[in-house]
Amino acid sequence: MARREKSPRSRAPFGVRAGYAAAAAIVRPAMRLLTRQQWLHTERLPKTGAIVVANHISELDPLDIAHMVYNQGLVPTFLAKAELWKVAPLQQILTGLRQIPVERGGDAAKSLDTARDVLTEGGVIIVYPEGTVTRDPEGWPMTGRSGAVRLALQTGVPLVPVAQWGTQEVLPYKGKPSLFPPKRLRIAVGEPVDLSDLRGHRPTREDLKAGTDRMMDALTALVAELRGEHPPAGRWDMRTGRREGAA
C-alpha cells in the first residue's frame, strides 16, 4: 500500500490546528448566513503552501480570505501590524493561531523566521501589500510594498495574487456595518507572479521594485476581473495623496 502523505493542515502544530477548528466552527456558519460567497479559480492556490497577496478594501477582508484558504485544506497566517497584539482579547487569539506581528520600522528578522516556518509546513502567508485599507477614492489597489516579493525570493515559495470584492459593502472603511440583505462577496485566485528572472541572486532595489510592480499589476487585473471594469491609469499613493504614474 502506498504511503499516505500528510495534508498541509496536518503539518501545522496541533494547537494551531485546534485553534483554527474552533474558529471555523464559528466563522463558517456566520459567513454563510450573512453573505453570499463566490470563489473563483481556487485550484490555482498551491496545496504545498504559498505567499498570498491580497487587495484590502475592508476590515472584514481577513475573515473572508481566511475562510477561503482554510476551506482549501491550508492554514492561513497573516502578517499583521503589531499594534493589534496590544488589545488583550485579540492578543490571545492572534498568538494562539500563530499570526505574525510586524513592527513598523523595527527588526523584521523574527517575523521572517516565523513566516519561513509556516511556509515550510505548507501553510499560507497572507500579506496586504498596501499596508492598510485602500484610500483610493475608487477602491482600486494602491502602490504596494516589497516585503512579500522579498520573502518569495528568499524562500522560493510561489507568490499568488488574490483579489476580493464585496466586503466593503458589508463593512465600509470607517462606515457602519450593513448585514442585511446578505451581500455578495467574491474572491478570485490568480496565477503565481513570475519572479523567475529575479531569483538566484541577492535582490537589488531594482529587482524588488520590478517584482512589486508585477505583483500589484496582477492584483489590479484580478480586481478588474471581479468588478467588470477597467482600472484607472496610475496607482494611488498614500504618501502624496494622488494617483501616480498616470499619463
C-alpha atoms as a PDB file:
ATOM      1  CA  MET A   1       0.000   0.000   0.000  1.00  0.00           C
ATOM      2  CA  ALA A   2       1.317   3.446  -0.929  1.00  0.00           C
ATOM      3  CA  ARG A   3       2.244   5.679   1.982  1.00  0.00           C
ATOM      4  CA  ARG A   4      -0.373   8.366   2.511  1.00  0.00           C
ATOM      5  CA  GLU A   5       1.161  11.838   2.629  1.00  0.00           C
ATOM      6  CA  LYS A   6       0.157  14.236   5.355  1.00  0.00           C
ATOM      7  CA  SER A   7      -2.018  17.114   4.276  1.00  0.00           C
ATOM      8  CA  PRO A   8      -0.580  20.612   4.672  1.00  0.00           C
ATOM      9  CA  ARG A   9      -3.038  21.275   7.509  1.00  0.00           C
ATOM     10  CA  SER A  10      -1.794  18.271   9.494  1.00  0.00           C
ATOM     11  CA  ARG A  11       1.799  19.585   9.386  1.00  0.00           C
ATOM     12  CA  ALA A  12       0.950  22.648  11.462  1.00  0.00           C
ATOM     13  CA  PRO A  13       1.319  22.361  15.275  1.00  0.00           C
ATOM     14  CA  PHE A  14      -1.652  20.707  16.993  1.00  0.00           C
ATOM     15  CA  GLY A  15      -2.514  23.837  18.983  1.00  0.00           C
ATOM     16  CA  VAL A  16      -2.747  25.895  15.803  1.00  0.00           C
ATOM     17  CA  ARG A  17      -4.940  23.306  14.087  1.00  0.00           C
ATOM     18  CA  ALA A  18      -7.207  23.082  17.129  1.00  0.00           C
ATOM     19  CA  GLY A  19      -7.491  26.865  17.282  1.00  0.00           C
ATOM     20  CA  TYR A  20      -8.479  27.088  13.640  1.00  0.00           C
ATOM     21  CA  ALA A  21     -11.009  24.288  14.008  1.00  0.00           C
ATOM     22  CA  ALA A  22     -12.646  26.182  16.869  1.00  0.00           C
ATOM     23  CA  ALA A  23     -12.617  29.457  14.933  1.00  0.00           C
ATOM     24  CA  ALA A  24     -14.003  27.762  11.822  1.00  0.00           C
ATOM     25  CA  ALA A  25     -16.927  26.369  13.829  1.00  0.00           C
ATOM     26  CA  ILE A  26     -17.998  29.976  14.451  1.00  0.00           C
ATOM     27  CA  VAL A  27     -16.857  31.813  11.329  1.00  0.00           C
ATOM     28  CA  ARG A  28     -18.102  29.395   8.663  1.00  0.00           C
ATOM     29  CA  PRO A  29     -21.787  29.379   9.688  1.00  0.00           C
ATOM     30  CA  ALA A  30     -21.744  33.143  10.269  1.00  0.00           C
ATOM     31  CA  MET A  31     -20.248  33.907   6.854  1.00  0.00           C
ATOM     32  CA  ARG A  32     -22.698  31.565   5.116  1.00  0.00           C
ATOM     33  CA  LEU A  33     -25.646  33.134   6.942  1.00  0.00           C
ATOM     34  CA  LEU A  34     -24.688  36.776   6.457  1.00  0.00           C
ATOM     35  CA  THR A  35     -23.068  36.709   2.991  1.00  0.00           C
ATOM     36  CA  ARG A  36     -23.222  35.039  -0.407  1.00  0.00           C
ATOM     37  CA  GLN A  37     -19.681  33.921  -1.234  1.00  0.00           C
ATOM     38  CA  GLN A  38     -18.255  33.059  -4.631  1.00  0.00           C
ATOM     39  CA  TRP A  39     -14.698  31.756  -5.010  1.00  0.00           C
ATOM     40  CA  LEU A  40     -13.087  31.663  -8.462  1.00  0.00           C
ATOM     41  CA  HIS A  41     -10.012  29.702  -9.612  1.00  0.00           C
ATOM     42  CA  THR A  42      -9.262  28.170  -6.191  1.00  0.00           C
ATOM     43  CA  GLU A  43      -7.404  25.371  -7.982  1.00  0.00           C
ATOM     44  CA  ARG A  44      -4.615  27.903  -8.600  1.00  0.00           C
ATOM     45  CA  LEU A  45      -3.766  28.001  -4.888  1.00  0.00           C
ATOM     46  CA  PRO A  46      -0.763  25.665  -4.408  1.00  0.00           C
ATOM     47  CA  LYS A  47      -1.501  22.834  -1.995  1.00  0.00           C
ATOM     48  CA  THR A  48       2.107  22.923  -0.794  1.00  0.00           C
ATOM     49  CA  GLY A  49       1.759  26.458   0.535  1.00  0.00           C
ATOM     50  CA  ALA A  50       2.168  29.955  -0.844  1.00  0.00           C
ATOM     51  CA  ILE A  51       2.566  33.640  -0.115  1.00  0.00           C
ATOM     52  CA  VAL A  52      -0.798  35.215  -0.908  1.00  0.00           C
ATOM     53  CA  VAL A  53      -1.000  38.942  -1.639  1.00  0.00           C
ATOM     54  CA  ALA A  54      -4.473  40.455  -1.472  1.00  0.00           C
ATOM     55  CA  ASN A  55      -6.111  43.820  -2.022  1.00  0.00           C
ATOM     56  CA  HIS A  56      -7.529  45.475   1.091  1.00  0.00           C
ATOM     57  CA  ILE A  57     -10.944  47.144   0.945  1.00  0.00           C
ATOM     58  CA  SER A  58     -12.495  46.432   4.366  1.00  0.00           C
ATOM     59  CA  GLU A  59     -11.634  45.359   7.893  1.00  0.00           C
ATOM     60  CA  LEU A  60     -13.713  42.255   7.114  1.00  0.00           C
ATOM     61  CA  ASP A  61     -11.207  41.096   4.484  1.00  0.00           C
ATOM     62  CA  PRO A  62      -9.180  38.781   6.779  1.00  0.00           C
ATOM     63  CA  LEU A  63     -12.236  36.693   7.721  1.00  0.00           C
ATOM     64  CA  ASP A  64     -13.334  36.395   4.103  1.00  0.00           C
ATOM     65  CA  ILE A  65      -9.972  35.331   2.719  1.00  0.00           C
ATOM     66  CA  ALA A  66      -9.079  33.114   5.688  1.00  0.00           C
ATOM     67  CA  HIS A  67     -12.368  31.250   5.174  1.00  0.00           C
ATOM     68  CA  MET A  68     -11.473  30.601   1.525  1.00  0.00           C
ATOM     69  CA  VAL A  69      -7.896  29.485   2.283  1.00  0.00           C
ATOM     70  CA  TYR A  70      -8.934  27.226   5.172  1.00  0.00           C
ATOM     71  CA  ASN A  71     -11.564  25.549   3.001  1.00  0.00           C
ATOM     72  CA  GLN A  72      -8.790  24.564   0.582  1.00  0.00           C
ATOM     73  CA  GLY A  73      -7.154  22.497   3.351  1.00  0.00           C
ATOM     74  CA  LEU A  74      -4.499  25.120   4.108  1.00  0.00           C
ATOM     75  CA  VAL A  75      -3.662  27.036   7.267  1.00  0.00           C
ATOM     76  CA  PRO A  76      -3.882  30.832   6.754  1.00  0.00           C
ATOM     77  CA  THR A  77      -1.364  33.005   8.594  1.00  0.00           C
ATOM     78  CA  PHE A  78      -1.408  36.795   8.406  1.00  0.00           C
ATOM     79  CA  LEU A  79       1.452  39.244   8.618  1.00  0.00           C
ATOM     80  CA  ALA A  80      -0.315  41.918  10.680  1.00  0.00           C
ATOM     81  CA  LYS A  81       0.619  45.186  12.344  1.00  0.00           C
ATOM     82  CA  ALA A  82       1.997  44.643  15.843  1.00  0.00           C
ATOM     83  CA  GLU A  83      -0.440  47.175  17.333  1.00  0.00           C
ATOM     84  CA  LEU A  84      -3.170  44.503  17.209  1.00  0.00           C
ATOM     85  CA  TRP A  85      -1.281  42.487  19.846  1.00  0.00           C
ATOM     86  CA  LYS A  86      -1.784  45.357  22.322  1.00  0.00           C
ATOM     87  CA  VAL A  87      -5.523  44.601  22.504  1.00  0.00           C
ATOM     88  CA  ALA A  88      -5.865  41.983  25.249  1.00  0.00           C
ATOM     89  CA  PRO A  89      -8.594  39.724  23.736  1.00  0.00           C
ATOM     90  CA  LEU A  90      -7.005  39.894  20.291  1.00  0.00           C
ATOM     91  CA  GLN A  91      -3.545  39.135  21.660  1.00  0.00           C
ATOM     92  CA  GLN A  92      -4.597  35.707  22.913  1.00  0.00           C
ATOM     93  CA  ILE A  93      -6.455  34.840  19.717  1.00  0.00           C
ATOM     94  CA  LEU A  94      -3.690  36.015  17.378  1.00  0.00           C
ATOM     95  CA  THR A  95      -0.975  34.271  19.380  1.00  0.00           C
ATOM     96  CA  GLY A  96      -2.975  31.041  19.608  1.00  0.00           C
ATOM     97  CA  LEU A  97      -3.468  30.992  15.842  1.00  0.00           C
ATOM     98  CA  ARG A  98       0.221  31.867  15.320  1.00  0.00           C
ATOM     99  CA  GLN A  99      -0.367  35.052  13.398  1.00  0.00           C
ATOM    100  CA  ILE A 100       2.782  37.102  12.829  1.00  0.00           C
ATOM    101  CA  PRO A 101       3.215  40.612  14.270  1.00  0.00           C
ATOM    102  CA  VAL A 102       5.200  43.075  12.197  1.00  0.00           C
ATOM    103  CA  GLU A 103       6.797  46.062  13.915  1.00  0.00           C
ATOM    104  CA  ARG A 104       6.806  49.122  11.707  1.00  0.00           C
ATOM    105  CA  GLY A 105      10.401  50.268  11.350  1.00  0.00           C
ATOM    106  CA  GLY A 106      11.613  47.527  13.724  1.00  0.00           C
ATOM    107  CA  ASP A 107      13.680  44.371  13.336  1.00  0.00           C
ATOM    108  CA  ALA A 108      11.799  42.083  10.960  1.00  0.00           C
ATOM    109  CA  ALA A 109      14.133  39.088  11.414  1.00  0.00           C
ATOM    110  CA  LYS A 110      11.915  37.314  13.977  1.00  0.00           C
ATOM    111  CA  SER A 111       8.801  37.807  11.850  1.00  0.00           C
ATOM    112  CA  LEU A 112      10.586  36.431   8.794  1.00  0.00           C
ATOM    113  CA  ASP A 113      11.814  33.375  10.733  1.00  0.00           C
ATOM    114  CA  THR A 114       8.242  32.583  11.816  1.00  0.00           C
ATOM    115  CA  ALA A 115       6.991  33.124   8.257  1.00  0.00           C
ATOM    116  CA  ARG A 116       9.564  30.667   6.930  1.00  0.00           C
ATOM    117  CA  ASP A 117       8.454  28.061   9.490  1.00  0.00           C
ATOM    118  CA  VAL A 118       4.827  28.444   8.367  1.00  0.00           C
ATOM    119  CA  LEU A 119       5.781  28.063   4.709  1.00  0.00           C
ATOM    120  CA  THR A 120       7.934  25.007   5.458  1.00  0.00           C
ATOM    121  CA  GLU A 121       4.855  23.383   6.997  1.00  0.00           C
ATOM    122  CA  GLY A 122       2.865  24.024   3.819  1.00  0.00           C
ATOM    123  CA  GLY A 123       0.913  26.930   5.250  1.00  0.00           C
ATOM    124  CA  VAL A 124      -0.178  30.116   3.542  1.00  0.00           C
ATOM    125  CA  ILE A 125       1.185  33.531   4.480  1.00  0.00           C
ATOM    126  CA  ILE A 126      -1.346  36.273   3.676  1.00  0.00           C
ATOM    127  CA  VAL A 127       0.001  39.779   3.091  1.00  0.00           C
ATOM    128  CA  TYR A 128      -1.785  43.026   2.295  1.00  0.00           C
ATOM    129  CA  PRO A 129       0.993  44.745   0.318  1.00  0.00           C
ATOM    130  CA  GLU A 130      -0.746  48.130   0.501  1.00  0.00           C
ATOM    131  CA  GLY A 131      -0.223  48.028   4.274  1.00  0.00           C
ATOM    132  CA  THR A 132      -3.740  49.264   5.073  1.00  0.00           C
ATOM    133  CA  VAL A 133      -7.264  49.521   3.675  1.00  0.00           C
ATOM    134  CA  THR A 134      -7.079  51.276   0.309  1.00  0.00           C
ATOM    135  CA  ARG A 135      -7.557  55.021   0.299  1.00  0.00           C
ATOM    136  CA  ASP A 136      -8.037  55.088  -3.464  1.00  0.00           C
ATOM    137  CA  PRO A 137     -11.273  57.072  -3.999  1.00  0.00           C
ATOM    138  CA  GLU A 138     -12.485  54.379  -6.403  1.00  0.00           C
ATOM    139  CA  GLY A 139     -11.402  51.403  -4.285  1.00  0.00           C
ATOM    140  CA  TRP A 140      -8.551  50.168  -6.509  1.00  0.00           C
ATOM    141  CA  PRO A 141      -5.271  48.751  -5.127  1.00  0.00           C
ATOM    142  CA  MET A 142      -2.759  51.430  -4.165  1.00  0.00           C
ATOM    143  CA  THR A 143       1.029  51.343  -4.500  1.00  0.00           C
ATOM    144  CA  GLY A 144       2.489  48.249  -2.836  1.00  0.00           C
ATOM    145  CA  ARG A 145       5.349  47.445  -0.508  1.00  0.00           C
ATOM    146  CA  SER A 146       8.091  44.996  -1.415  1.00  0.00           C
ATOM    147  CA  GLY A 147       8.053  42.721   1.668  1.00  0.00           C
ATOM    148  CA  ALA A 148       6.042  39.903   0.071  1.00  0.00           C
ATOM    149  CA  VAL A 149       8.282  39.882  -3.002  1.00  0.00           C
ATOM    150  CA  ARG A 150      11.389  39.808  -0.811  1.00  0.00           C
ATOM    151  CA  LEU A 151      10.016  36.847   1.167  1.00  0.00           C
ATOM    152  CA  ALA A 152       9.087  34.993  -2.034  1.00  0.00           C
ATOM    153  CA  LEU A 153      12.586  35.474  -3.429  1.00  0.00           C
ATOM    154  CA  GLN A 154      14.179  34.336  -0.161  1.00  0.00           C
ATOM    155  CA  THR A 155      12.072  31.185   0.194  1.00  0.00           C
ATOM    156  CA  GLY A 156      11.328  30.214  -3.417  1.00  0.00           C
ATOM    157  CA  VAL A 157       7.641  29.864  -2.489  1.00  0.00           C
ATOM    158  CA  PRO A 158       5.021  30.903  -5.101  1.00  0.00           C
ATOM    159  CA  LEU A 159       3.674  34.465  -4.823  1.00  0.00           C
ATOM    160  CA  VAL A 160      -0.054  34.270  -5.575  1.00  0.00           C
ATOM    161  CA  PRO A 161      -2.342  37.302  -6.062  1.00  0.00           C
ATOM    162  CA  VAL A 162      -5.849  37.001  -4.617  1.00  0.00           C
ATOM    163  CA  ALA A 163      -8.493  39.674  -5.228  1.00  0.00           C
ATOM    164  CA  GLN A 164     -11.561  40.396  -3.096  1.00  0.00           C
ATOM    165  CA  TRP A 165     -14.656  42.457  -3.816  1.00  0.00           C
ATOM    166  CA  GLY A 166     -17.853  42.978  -1.836  1.00  0.00           C
ATOM    167  CA  THR A 167     -16.598  43.115   1.752  1.00  0.00           C
ATOM    168  CA  GLN A 168     -16.653  46.916   1.586  1.00  0.00           C
ATOM    169  CA  GLU A 169     -20.425  46.739   1.234  1.00  0.00           C
ATOM    170  CA  VAL A 170     -20.726  44.780   4.498  1.00  0.00           C
ATOM    171  CA  LEU A 171     -18.195  46.809   6.477  1.00  0.00           C
ATOM    172  CA  PRO A 172     -17.106  50.042   4.753  1.00  0.00           C
ATOM    173  CA  TYR A 173     -13.902  51.669   5.927  1.00  0.00           C
ATOM    174  CA  LYS A 174     -14.914  53.963   8.813  1.00  0.00           C
ATOM    175  CA  GLY A 175     -18.559  53.266   7.964  1.00  0.00           C
ATOM    176  CA  LYS A 176     -21.476  51.437   9.577  1.00  0.00           C
ATOM    177  CA  PRO A 177     -21.932  47.681   9.055  1.00  0.00           C
ATOM    178  CA  SER A 178     -24.670  46.610   6.639  1.00  0.00           C
ATOM    179  CA  LEU A 179     -25.593  42.971   7.205  1.00  0.00           C
ATOM    180  CA  PHE A 180     -28.977  42.690   5.512  1.00  0.00           C
ATOM    181  CA  PRO A 181     -29.800  41.837   2.874  1.00  0.00           C
ATOM    182  CA  PRO A 182     -26.796  39.467   2.584  1.00  0.00           C
ATOM    183  CA  LYS A 183     -24.062  40.893   0.357  1.00  0.00           C
ATOM    184  CA  ARG A 184     -22.244  39.063  -2.425  1.00  0.00           C
ATOM    185  CA  LEU A 185     -18.562  38.522  -1.605  1.00  0.00           C
ATOM    186  CA  ARG A 186     -16.298  37.414  -4.441  1.00  0.00           C
ATOM    187  CA  ILE A 187     -12.714  36.138  -4.406  1.00  0.00           C
ATOM    188  CA  ALA A 188     -10.533  35.344  -7.419  1.00  0.00           C
ATOM    189  CA  VAL A 189      -7.218  33.497  -7.178  1.00  0.00           C
ATOM    190  CA  GLY A 190      -4.620  34.422  -9.795  1.00  0.00           C
ATOM    191  CA  GLU A 191      -1.701  32.584 -11.332  1.00  0.00           C
ATOM    192  CA  PRO A 192       1.602  32.894  -9.427  1.00  0.00           C
ATOM    193  CA  VAL A 193       3.560  36.046 -10.255  1.00  0.00           C
ATOM    194  CA  ASP A 194       6.561  35.231 -12.448  1.00  0.00           C
ATOM    195  CA  LEU A 195       9.700  36.130 -10.495  1.00  0.00           C
ATOM    196  CA  SER A 196      11.977  33.589 -12.172  1.00  0.00           C
ATOM    197  CA  ASP A 197      14.336  36.206 -13.641  1.00  0.00           C
ATOM    198  CA  LEU A 198      14.780  37.789 -10.208  1.00  0.00           C
ATOM    199  CA  ARG A 199      15.796  34.596  -8.387  1.00  0.00           C
ATOM    200  CA  GLY A 200      19.240  33.099  -7.966  1.00  0.00           C
ATOM    201  CA  HIS A 201      20.994  36.208  -6.670  1.00  0.00           C
ATOM    202  CA  ARG A 202      20.692  38.769  -3.913  1.00  0.00           C
ATOM    203  CA  PRO A 203      17.796  41.003  -5.000  1.00  0.00           C
ATOM    204  CA  THR A 204      18.652  44.610  -5.729  1.00  0.00           C
ATOM    205  CA  ARG A 205      16.382  47.579  -5.129  1.00  0.00           C
ATOM    206  CA  GLU A 206      15.540  47.477  -8.835  1.00  0.00           C
ATOM    207  CA  ASP A 207      14.655  43.765  -8.580  1.00  0.00           C
ATOM    208  CA  LEU A 208      12.305  44.392  -5.671  1.00  0.00           C
ATOM    209  CA  LYS A 209      10.647  47.289  -7.462  1.00  0.00           C
ATOM    210  CA  ALA A 210      10.187  45.214 -10.616  1.00  0.00           C
ATOM    211  CA  GLY A 211       8.701  42.322  -8.631  1.00  0.00           C
ATOM    212  CA  THR A 212       6.422  44.634  -6.657  1.00  0.00           C
ATOM    213  CA  ASP A 213       5.155  46.304  -9.839  1.00  0.00           C
ATOM    214  CA  ARG A 214       4.358  42.888 -11.340  1.00  0.00           C
ATOM    215  CA  MET A 215       2.594  41.819  -8.145  1.00  0.00           C
ATOM    216  CA  MET A 216       0.413  44.937  -7.984  1.00  0.00           C
ATOM    217  CA  ASP A 217      -0.348  44.779 -11.718  1.00  0.00           C
ATOM    218  CA  ALA A 218      -1.504  41.160 -11.349  1.00  0.00           C
ATOM    219  CA  LEU A 219      -3.602  42.032  -8.308  1.00  0.00           C
ATOM    220  CA  THR A 220      -5.201  45.022 -10.020  1.00  0.00           C
ATOM    221  CA  ALA A 221      -6.047  42.900 -13.067  1.00  0.00           C
ATOM    222  CA  LEU A 222      -7.843  40.393 -10.826  1.00  0.00           C
ATOM    223  CA  VAL A 223      -9.794  43.160  -9.084  1.00  0.00           C
ATOM    224  CA  ALA A 224     -10.783  44.452 -12.528  1.00  0.00           C
ATOM    225  CA  GLU A 225     -11.992  40.940 -13.419  1.00  0.00           C
ATOM    226  CA  LEU A 226     -14.223  40.848 -10.343  1.00  0.00           C
ATOM    227  CA  ARG A 227     -15.537  44.375 -10.865  1.00  0.00           C
ATOM    228  CA  GLY A 228     -16.011  44.030 -14.616  1.00  0.00           C
ATOM    229  CA  GLU A 229     -14.305  47.386 -15.060  1.00  0.00           C
ATOM    230  CA  HIS A 230     -11.066  48.804 -16.412  1.00  0.00           C
ATOM    231  CA  PRO A 231      -8.717  50.146 -13.729  1.00  0.00           C
ATOM    232  CA  PRO A 232      -7.649  53.798 -13.938  1.00  0.00           C
ATOM    233  CA  ALA A 233      -4.223  54.763 -15.260  1.00  0.00           C
ATOM    234  CA  GLY A 234      -1.671  55.053 -12.482  1.00  0.00           C
ATOM    235  CA  ARG A 235      -1.888  53.939  -8.874  1.00  0.00           C
ATOM    236  CA  TRP A 236      -2.954  55.856  -5.769  1.00  0.00           C
ATOM    237  CA  ASP A 237      -0.044  56.741  -3.473  1.00  0.00           C
ATOM    238  CA  MET A 238      -0.890  57.478   0.168  1.00  0.00           C
ATOM    239  CA  ARG A 239       2.315  59.439   0.604  1.00  0.00           C
ATOM    240  CA  THR A 240       1.324  62.002  -1.999  1.00  0.00           C
ATOM    241  CA  GLY A 241      -2.450  61.675  -1.785  1.00  0.00           C
ATOM    242  CA  ARG A 242      -2.802  61.377  -5.544  1.00  0.00           C
ATOM    243  CA  ARG A 243      -2.666  58.894  -8.403  1.00  0.00           C
ATOM    244  CA  GLU A 244       0.915  58.413  -9.573  1.00  0.00           C
ATOM    245  CA  GLY A 245       2.122  57.150 -12.942  1.00  0.00           C
ATOM    246  CA  ALA A 246      -0.862  58.378 -14.937  1.00  0.00           C
ATOM    247  CA  ALA A 247      -0.107  59.912 -18.312  1.00  0.00           C
END
